[in-house]
Every structure is written in structure tokens, then in C-alpha cells.
Amino acid sequence: MAQLFPRSANQIARTSLALVAGAAVLVAVLLTGVVPRSSFVTRQSQAREQPVPFYHKHHVGGMGIDCRYCHTSVDKAAFAGIPPTKTCMNCHSQIFKDSPTLEPVRASLREDRSIPWVRVHDLPDFVYFNHSAHVNKGVGCTTCHGPIDQMSYVWQEKSLLMEWCLDCHRAPERYLRPKGEVYSTSYRPPANQLALGRRLKAEYDVQTQVSCSTCHR
């Protein structure tokens, strides 16, 4: 009986199986490692357009407005808080008070309704994060939010993945700064950051919190 397959058929079959297995591994790596960490999923570095063009670069970088003027609960509560319209109107009832760009702000005040700001740093509902616990222990605003004073529309500076949180929770001394510098946008870590961080960690009684229940409650 004539041979149905050439001698090379076995090698072709083995090569094909190896290619299929390799492709399966590659797809698994992409789906479990690369794609979830990509900016397509995390939206890292992506600026969000807002209903009113509020520029942090102008207000913070240009005018030097302190974070707490608008985010009044950042050092007192879990949420930093989105400023109510009356906070905007404290200035804009006098400055650019007739600007067409700010009509949505004036309408919000007239009609007693909130401006539908787009949330930029949006953690999943199963994650508990307390702003006050961090800023009162020496974690600076720019450590997580990046150079906010250089942003027009705010972008998400960090990935917000759990591994990013754990990087700080395991070794907070790498990121701590003096409490007087927490809200500073010009602060830069010194050359002796580790020595400073270890001292502040002891002084502020900062604990390495890595248990699941710390963030998942």
C-alpha cells in the first residue's frame, strides 16, 4: 500500500503543535499580564474632558490655589470631595463673570444643580481608599496624582492597579514627605529619601498595611 503522507508530515505536525501551544501561551500572557496593565484598560495618562474647562495648570500652577480650597475634605474624610458650584463662584462672581465659557457654572448656581464633573481617579467599588489617612501620614498629593499643577485637563498619572498600591504599602518610607509639604506641587524627594522616610515613618507611626482587609472591606 502506498504511503499516504510524506516523511516530512510528522515534523510538520510537531511544528504545528508547537506553534499552537506557543500561540496559546502568548495569548494567555497578553490577556493576563499585558492587556490588564495597558493604558487601554487602566486609562493611565488619559486626560478626561470636563463639562466646564477647569484648568488645574492655571488655577494651581498659575495662581497657586491650595488643593484644600476646592477639595475641602481631603484631610478629614475618605473622599477628597468635589467642590460645589458656590466655591467656583467665590471668584467667578467677580472674575470673568460674563464669560460664555462659564455659563454652565452660573446655570448650575441659578438652577441649584450640580455640575456633572467627570471622575478621573475612579477606583472599583470593592476598593476602600481613605484620603485623610494618607495625607495625614505624609503622602503628598503629587505622589499619586502627578504634576497636577502642569495639567490642563487632569489625567490619571498612575495605573491605580493593586500592585501599584502595594508598592507603597510595602515600603512607605520611599514616598513619605514632611507633613508641611504634603500639598506642595513643587516638592521633590531629596537624595536621602530613604533615611528621611524611615524617620518620618517612625515619627508619624506609619504601618506597613498589606492585609487584604485594609482595602477590601
C-alpha atoms as a PDB file:
ATOM      1  CA  MET A   1       0.000   0.000   0.000  1.00  0.00           C
ATOM      2  CA  ALA A   2       1.347   3.367  -0.973  1.00  0.00           C
ATOM      3  CA  GLN A   3       2.317   5.708   1.875  1.00  0.00           C
ATOM      4  CA  LEU A   4      -0.362   8.392   2.294  1.00  0.00           C
ATOM      5  CA  PHE A   5       1.788  11.022   3.999  1.00  0.00           C
ATOM      6  CA  PRO A   6       5.308  12.107   3.144  1.00  0.00           C
ATOM      7  CA  ARG A   7       8.157  11.573   5.602  1.00  0.00           C
ATOM      8  CA  SER A   8       8.021  15.275   6.494  1.00  0.00           C
ATOM      9  CA  ALA A   9       4.425  15.011   7.794  1.00  0.00           C
ATOM     10  CA  ASN A  10       5.490  14.113  11.339  1.00  0.00           C
ATOM     11  CA  GLN A  11       7.823  17.092  11.542  1.00  0.00           C
ATOM     12  CA  ILE A  12       5.120  19.372  10.168  1.00  0.00           C
ATOM     13  CA  ALA A  13       2.655  18.045  12.749  1.00  0.00           C
ATOM     14  CA  ARG A  14       5.128  18.553  15.619  1.00  0.00           C
ATOM     15  CA  THR A  15       5.940  22.083  14.427  1.00  0.00           C
ATOM     16  CA  SER A  16       2.252  22.913  14.096  1.00  0.00           C
ATOM     17  CA  LEU A  17       1.522  21.686  17.624  1.00  0.00           C
ATOM     18  CA  ALA A  18       4.438  23.710  18.967  1.00  0.00           C
ATOM     19  CA  LEU A  19       3.174  26.822  17.181  1.00  0.00           C
ATOM     20  CA  VAL A  20      -0.357  26.313  18.531  1.00  0.00           C
ATOM     21  CA  ALA A  21       0.981  25.814  22.061  1.00  0.00           C
ATOM     22  CA  GLY A  22       3.201  28.880  21.731  1.00  0.00           C
ATOM     23  CA  ALA A  23       0.310  30.966  20.439  1.00  0.00           C
ATOM     24  CA  ALA A  24      -1.861  29.813  23.360  1.00  0.00           C
ATOM     25  CA  VAL A  25       0.853  30.832  25.839  1.00  0.00           C
ATOM     26  CA  LEU A  26       1.276  34.197  24.106  1.00  0.00           C
ATOM     27  CA  VAL A  27      -2.474  34.865  24.221  1.00  0.00           C
ATOM     28  CA  ALA A  28      -2.580  33.890  27.906  1.00  0.00           C
ATOM     29  CA  VAL A  29       0.289  36.260  28.699  1.00  0.00           C
ATOM     30  CA  LEU A  30      -1.383  39.079  26.785  1.00  0.00           C
ATOM     31  CA  LEU A  31      -4.757  38.538  28.446  1.00  0.00           C
ATOM     32  CA  THR A  32      -3.460  38.115  31.995  1.00  0.00           C
ATOM     33  CA  GLY A  33      -0.372  40.300  32.043  1.00  0.00           C
ATOM     34  CA  VAL A  34      -0.082  42.832  29.255  1.00  0.00           C
ATOM     35  CA  VAL A  35      -3.625  43.907  28.405  1.00  0.00           C
ATOM     36  CA  PRO A  36      -4.825  44.478  32.016  1.00  0.00           C
ATOM     37  CA  ARG A  37      -1.803  46.726  32.591  1.00  0.00           C
ATOM     38  CA  SER A  38      -2.176  48.656  29.358  1.00  0.00           C
ATOM     39  CA  SER A  39      -3.469  52.213  29.305  1.00  0.00           C
ATOM     40  CA  PHE A  40      -6.358  50.932  27.179  1.00  0.00           C
ATOM     41  CA  VAL A  41      -7.679  49.218  30.317  1.00  0.00           C
ATOM     42  CA  THR A  42      -6.299  51.373  33.153  1.00  0.00           C
ATOM     43  CA  ARG A  43      -6.772  54.668  31.239  1.00  0.00           C
ATOM     44  CA  GLN A  44      -3.428  55.792  32.654  1.00  0.00           C
ATOM     45  CA  SER A  45      -2.162  59.092  31.184  1.00  0.00           C
ATOM     46  CA  GLN A  46      -5.502  59.736  29.502  1.00  0.00           C
ATOM     47  CA  ALA A  47      -6.925  63.205  30.143  1.00  0.00           C
ATOM     48  CA  ARG A  48     -10.681  63.464  30.663  1.00  0.00           C
ATOM     49  CA  GLU A  49     -12.674  66.257  29.078  1.00  0.00           C
ATOM     50  CA  GLN A  50     -14.946  68.029  31.533  1.00  0.00           C
ATOM     51  CA  PRO A  51     -18.299  69.836  31.069  1.00  0.00           C
ATOM     52  CA  VAL A  52     -16.527  73.067  32.041  1.00  0.00           C
ATOM     53  CA  PRO A  53     -12.876  73.627  31.044  1.00  0.00           C
ATOM     54  CA  PHE A  54     -11.352  73.877  34.508  1.00  0.00           C
ATOM     55  CA  TYR A  55      -7.580  74.032  34.142  1.00  0.00           C
ATOM     56  CA  HIS A  56      -5.526  72.941  37.135  1.00  0.00           C
ATOM     57  CA  LYS A  57      -2.468  74.350  35.353  1.00  0.00           C
ATOM     58  CA  HIS A  58      -3.999  77.824  35.560  1.00  0.00           C
ATOM     59  CA  HIS A  59      -5.581  77.626  38.997  1.00  0.00           C
ATOM     60  CA  VAL A  60      -2.901  75.608  40.827  1.00  0.00           C
ATOM     61  CA  GLY A  61       0.244  76.220  38.813  1.00  0.00           C
ATOM     62  CA  GLY A  62      -0.503  79.802  37.802  1.00  0.00           C
ATOM     63  CA  MET A  63      -2.469  81.171  40.747  1.00  0.00           C
ATOM     64  CA  GLY A  64      -1.144  78.894  43.466  1.00  0.00           C
ATOM     65  CA  ILE A  65      -4.537  77.823  44.824  1.00  0.00           C
ATOM     66  CA  ASP A  66      -4.121  75.203  47.542  1.00  0.00           C
ATOM     67  CA  CYS A  67      -5.684  71.781  46.935  1.00  0.00           C
ATOM     68  CA  ARG A  68      -7.784  72.128  50.085  1.00  0.00           C
ATOM     69  CA  TYR A  69      -9.565  75.233  48.837  1.00  0.00           C
ATOM     70  CA  CYS A  70     -11.577  73.105  46.415  1.00  0.00           C
ATOM     71  CA  HIS A  71     -11.110  69.622  47.890  1.00  0.00           C
ATOM     72  CA  THR A  72     -12.132  70.637  51.375  1.00  0.00           C
ATOM     73  CA  SER A  73     -12.493  67.192  52.941  1.00  0.00           C
ATOM     74  CA  VAL A  74      -9.231  65.667  51.710  1.00  0.00           C
ATOM     75  CA  ASP A  75      -7.609  65.770  55.159  1.00  0.00           C
ATOM     76  CA  LYS A  76     -10.769  64.971  57.107  1.00  0.00           C
ATOM     77  CA  ALA A  77     -12.629  62.225  55.245  1.00  0.00           C
ATOM     78  CA  ALA A  78     -12.238  59.273  52.929  1.00  0.00           C
ATOM     79  CA  PHE A  79     -13.221  61.359  49.915  1.00  0.00           C
ATOM     80  CA  ALA A  80     -11.345  64.435  48.721  1.00  0.00           C
ATOM     81  CA  GLY A  81     -14.661  65.967  47.718  1.00  0.00           C
ATOM     82  CA  ILE A  82     -15.684  67.703  44.512  1.00  0.00           C
ATOM     83  CA  PRO A  83     -16.122  71.447  45.020  1.00  0.00           C
ATOM     84  CA  PRO A  84     -19.691  72.755  44.989  1.00  0.00           C
ATOM     85  CA  THR A  85     -20.575  75.432  42.463  1.00  0.00           C
ATOM     86  CA  LYS A  86     -20.503  78.140  45.106  1.00  0.00           C
ATOM     87  CA  THR A  87     -16.767  77.501  45.524  1.00  0.00           C
ATOM     88  CA  CYS A  88     -16.261  78.348  41.852  1.00  0.00           C
ATOM     89  CA  MET A  89     -18.471  81.409  42.205  1.00  0.00           C
ATOM     90  CA  ASN A  90     -16.479  82.746  45.147  1.00  0.00           C
ATOM     91  CA  CYS A  91     -14.095  84.018  42.476  1.00  0.00           C
ATOM     92  CA  HIS A  92     -16.140  83.945  39.305  1.00  0.00           C
ATOM     93  CA  SER A  93     -18.905  86.159  40.594  1.00  0.00           C
ATOM     94  CA  GLN A  94     -16.256  88.862  40.157  1.00  0.00           C
ATOM     95  CA  ILE A  95     -13.703  87.424  37.711  1.00  0.00           C
ATOM     96  CA  PHE A  96     -14.818  86.521  34.167  1.00  0.00           C
ATOM     97  CA  LYS A  97     -18.354  86.800  35.490  1.00  0.00           C
ATOM     98  CA  ASP A  98     -19.829  87.244  31.995  1.00  0.00           C
ATOM     99  CA  SER A  99     -17.675  84.700  30.202  1.00  0.00           C
ATOM    100  CA  PRO A 100     -19.731  82.394  27.926  1.00  0.00           C
ATOM    101  CA  THR A 101     -17.396  79.542  28.872  1.00  0.00           C
ATOM    102  CA  LEU A 102     -18.555  79.790  32.483  1.00  0.00           C
ATOM    103  CA  GLU A 103     -22.282  79.868  31.707  1.00  0.00           C
ATOM    104  CA  PRO A 104     -22.676  76.200  32.821  1.00  0.00           C
ATOM    105  CA  VAL A 105     -21.283  77.243  36.208  1.00  0.00           C
ATOM    106  CA  ARG A 106     -23.676  80.179  36.524  1.00  0.00           C
ATOM    107  CA  ALA A 107     -26.571  77.959  35.372  1.00  0.00           C
ATOM    108  CA  SER A 108     -25.630  75.399  37.988  1.00  0.00           C
ATOM    109  CA  LEU A 109     -25.900  78.048  40.698  1.00  0.00           C
ATOM    110  CA  ARG A 110     -29.160  79.501  39.345  1.00  0.00           C
ATOM    111  CA  GLU A 111     -30.825  76.133  38.969  1.00  0.00           C
ATOM    112  CA  ASP A 112     -29.352  74.629  42.141  1.00  0.00           C
ATOM    113  CA  ARG A 113     -27.977  71.559  40.380  1.00  0.00           C
ATOM    114  CA  SER A 114     -24.535  70.024  40.398  1.00  0.00           C
ATOM    115  CA  ILE A 115     -22.116  70.252  37.518  1.00  0.00           C
ATOM    116  CA  PRO A 116     -21.664  66.713  36.138  1.00  0.00           C
ATOM    117  CA  TRP A 117     -17.875  66.578  36.540  1.00  0.00           C
ATOM    118  CA  VAL A 118     -16.206  63.502  35.052  1.00  0.00           C
ATOM    119  CA  ARG A 119     -14.368  61.480  37.675  1.00  0.00           C
ATOM    120  CA  VAL A 120     -10.741  60.842  36.710  1.00  0.00           C
ATOM    121  CA  HIS A 121      -9.398  58.667  39.536  1.00  0.00           C
ATOM    122  CA  ASP A 122     -12.162  56.104  39.820  1.00  0.00           C
ATOM    123  CA  LEU A 123     -11.368  53.054  41.928  1.00  0.00           C
ATOM    124  CA  PRO A 124     -13.569  49.942  41.750  1.00  0.00           C
ATOM    125  CA  ASP A 125     -16.441  49.785  44.234  1.00  0.00           C
ATOM    126  CA  PHE A 126     -14.775  46.899  46.068  1.00  0.00           C
ATOM    127  CA  VAL A 127     -11.734  49.034  46.945  1.00  0.00           C
ATOM    128  CA  TYR A 128     -11.719  51.220  50.062  1.00  0.00           C
ATOM    129  CA  PHE A 129      -9.401  54.220  49.933  1.00  0.00           C
ATOM    130  CA  ASN A 130      -9.213  56.930  52.573  1.00  0.00           C
ATOM    131  CA  HIS A 131      -7.658  60.227  51.503  1.00  0.00           C
ATOM    132  CA  SER A 132      -7.287  61.588  55.017  1.00  0.00           C
ATOM    133  CA  ALA A 133      -5.412  58.502  56.215  1.00  0.00           C
ATOM    134  CA  HIS A 134      -2.800  59.082  53.537  1.00  0.00           C
ATOM    135  CA  VAL A 135      -2.304  62.864  53.579  1.00  0.00           C
ATOM    136  CA  ASN A 136      -2.186  62.937  57.373  1.00  0.00           C
ATOM    137  CA  LYS A 137       0.628  60.379  57.320  1.00  0.00           C
ATOM    138  CA  GLY A 138       2.843  62.287  54.905  1.00  0.00           C
ATOM    139  CA  VAL A 139       1.748  61.058  51.482  1.00  0.00           C
ATOM    140  CA  GLY A 140       1.794  64.005  49.100  1.00  0.00           C
ATOM    141  CA  CYS A 141      -0.907  64.814  46.571  1.00  0.00           C
ATOM    142  CA  THR A 142       1.527  64.637  43.662  1.00  0.00           C
ATOM    143  CA  THR A 143       2.777  61.218  44.764  1.00  0.00           C
ATOM    144  CA  CYS A 144      -0.474  59.738  43.464  1.00  0.00           C
ATOM    145  CA  HIS A 145      -1.892  62.457  41.238  1.00  0.00           C
ATOM    146  CA  GLY A 146       1.303  63.515  39.494  1.00  0.00           C
ATOM    147  CA  PRO A 147       2.181  67.084  38.419  1.00  0.00           C
ATOM    148  CA  ILE A 148      -1.324  68.437  38.863  1.00  0.00           C
ATOM    149  CA  ASP A 149      -0.026  71.995  38.544  1.00  0.00           C
ATOM    150  CA  GLN A 150       1.051  71.253  34.963  1.00  0.00           C
ATOM    151  CA  MET A 151      -2.205  69.675  33.805  1.00  0.00           C
ATOM    152  CA  SER A 152      -4.931  71.441  31.890  1.00  0.00           C
ATOM    153  CA  TYR A 153      -7.486  68.667  31.768  1.00  0.00           C
ATOM    154  CA  VAL A 154      -6.473  66.244  34.504  1.00  0.00           C
ATOM    155  CA  TRP A 155      -5.148  62.862  33.522  1.00  0.00           C
ATOM    156  CA  GLN A 156      -4.682  59.733  35.623  1.00  0.00           C
ATOM    157  CA  GLU A 157      -0.959  59.746  36.366  1.00  0.00           C
ATOM    158  CA  LYS A 158      -0.720  56.248  37.889  1.00  0.00           C
ATOM    159  CA  SER A 159      -2.187  52.894  36.893  1.00  0.00           C
ATOM    160  CA  LEU A 160      -4.253  52.531  40.123  1.00  0.00           C
ATOM    161  CA  LEU A 161      -3.642  48.778  39.902  1.00  0.00           C
ATOM    162  CA  MET A 162      -3.352  46.873  43.173  1.00  0.00           C
ATOM    163  CA  GLU A 163       0.330  46.214  42.553  1.00  0.00           C
ATOM    164  CA  TRP A 164       0.916  49.979  42.450  1.00  0.00           C
ATOM    165  CA  CYS A 165      -0.807  50.435  45.817  1.00  0.00           C
ATOM    166  CA  LEU A 166       1.158  47.556  47.351  1.00  0.00           C
ATOM    167  CA  ASP A 167       4.420  49.035  46.137  1.00  0.00           C
ATOM    168  CA  CYS A 168       3.884  51.907  48.576  1.00  0.00           C
ATOM    169  CA  HIS A 169       2.188  49.894  51.305  1.00  0.00           C
ATOM    170  CA  ARG A 170       5.150  47.513  51.497  1.00  0.00           C
ATOM    171  CA  ALA A 171       7.760  50.275  51.703  1.00  0.00           C
ATOM    172  CA  PRO A 172       6.118  53.624  52.566  1.00  0.00           C
ATOM    173  CA  GLU A 173       9.475  55.146  53.524  1.00  0.00           C
ATOM    174  CA  ARG A 174      10.232  55.545  49.821  1.00  0.00           C
ATOM    175  CA  TYR A 175       7.379  58.023  49.412  1.00  0.00           C
ATOM    176  CA  LEU A 176       6.768  59.836  52.705  1.00  0.00           C
ATOM    177  CA  ARG A 177       7.409  63.556  52.949  1.00  0.00           C
ATOM    178  CA  PRO A 178       7.137  66.114  55.780  1.00  0.00           C
ATOM    179  CA  LYS A 179       3.505  66.980  56.526  1.00  0.00           C
ATOM    180  CA  GLY A 180       4.180  70.608  55.690  1.00  0.00           C
ATOM    181  CA  GLU A 181       4.982  69.547  52.128  1.00  0.00           C
ATOM    182  CA  VAL A 182       2.018  67.237  51.534  1.00  0.00           C
ATOM    183  CA  TYR A 183       0.092  69.778  49.427  1.00  0.00           C
ATOM    184  CA  SER A 184       3.125  71.225  47.688  1.00  0.00           C
ATOM    185  CA  THR A 185       3.359  70.687  43.938  1.00  0.00           C
ATOM    186  CA  SER A 186       6.996  71.803  43.813  1.00  0.00           C
ATOM    187  CA  TYR A 187       8.326  69.316  46.377  1.00  0.00           C
ATOM    188  CA  ARG A 188      10.940  66.892  45.098  1.00  0.00           C
ATOM    189  CA  PRO A 189      12.215  63.873  47.058  1.00  0.00           C
ATOM    190  CA  PRO A 190      15.673  64.568  48.492  1.00  0.00           C
ATOM    191  CA  ALA A 191      18.752  62.455  47.839  1.00  0.00           C
ATOM    192  CA  ASN A 192      18.400  60.945  51.324  1.00  0.00           C
ATOM    193  CA  GLN A 193      14.751  59.973  50.815  1.00  0.00           C
ATOM    194  CA  LEU A 194      15.122  56.555  52.442  1.00  0.00           C
ATOM    195  CA  ALA A 195      16.687  57.997  55.578  1.00  0.00           C
ATOM    196  CA  LEU A 196      14.081  60.757  55.715  1.00  0.00           C
ATOM    197  CA  GLY A 197      11.291  58.280  55.001  1.00  0.00           C
ATOM    198  CA  ARG A 198      12.372  55.915  57.776  1.00  0.00           C
ATOM    199  CA  ARG A 199      12.446  58.813  60.248  1.00  0.00           C
ATOM    200  CA  LEU A 200       9.024  60.055  59.169  1.00  0.00           C
ATOM    201  CA  LYS A 201       7.617  56.524  59.212  1.00  0.00           C
ATOM    202  CA  ALA A 202       8.542  56.230  62.884  1.00  0.00           C
ATOM    203  CA  GLU A 203       7.510  59.808  63.717  1.00  0.00           C
ATOM    204  CA  TYR A 204       4.097  59.519  62.014  1.00  0.00           C
ATOM    205  CA  ASP A 205       3.577  55.917  63.176  1.00  0.00           C
ATOM    206  CA  VAL A 206       3.101  54.648  59.631  1.00  0.00           C
ATOM    207  CA  GLN A 207       2.399  50.918  59.471  1.00  0.00           C
ATOM    208  CA  THR A 208       3.045  48.610  56.524  1.00  0.00           C
ATOM    209  CA  GLN A 209      -0.534  47.698  55.659  1.00  0.00           C
ATOM    210  CA  VAL A 210      -0.625  44.734  53.283  1.00  0.00           C
ATOM    211  CA  SER A 211      -3.517  42.651  54.591  1.00  0.00           C
ATOM    212  CA  CYS A 212      -6.465  42.189  52.222  1.00  0.00           C
ATOM    213  CA  SER A 213      -8.926  43.766  54.656  1.00  0.00           C
ATOM    214  CA  THR A 214      -7.008  47.054  54.598  1.00  0.00           C
ATOM    215  CA  CYS A 215      -8.501  47.922  51.213  1.00  0.00           C
ATOM    216  CA  HIS A 216     -11.145  45.250  50.660  1.00  0.00           C
ATOM    217  CA  ARG A 217     -13.785  45.639  53.355  1.00  0.00           C
END
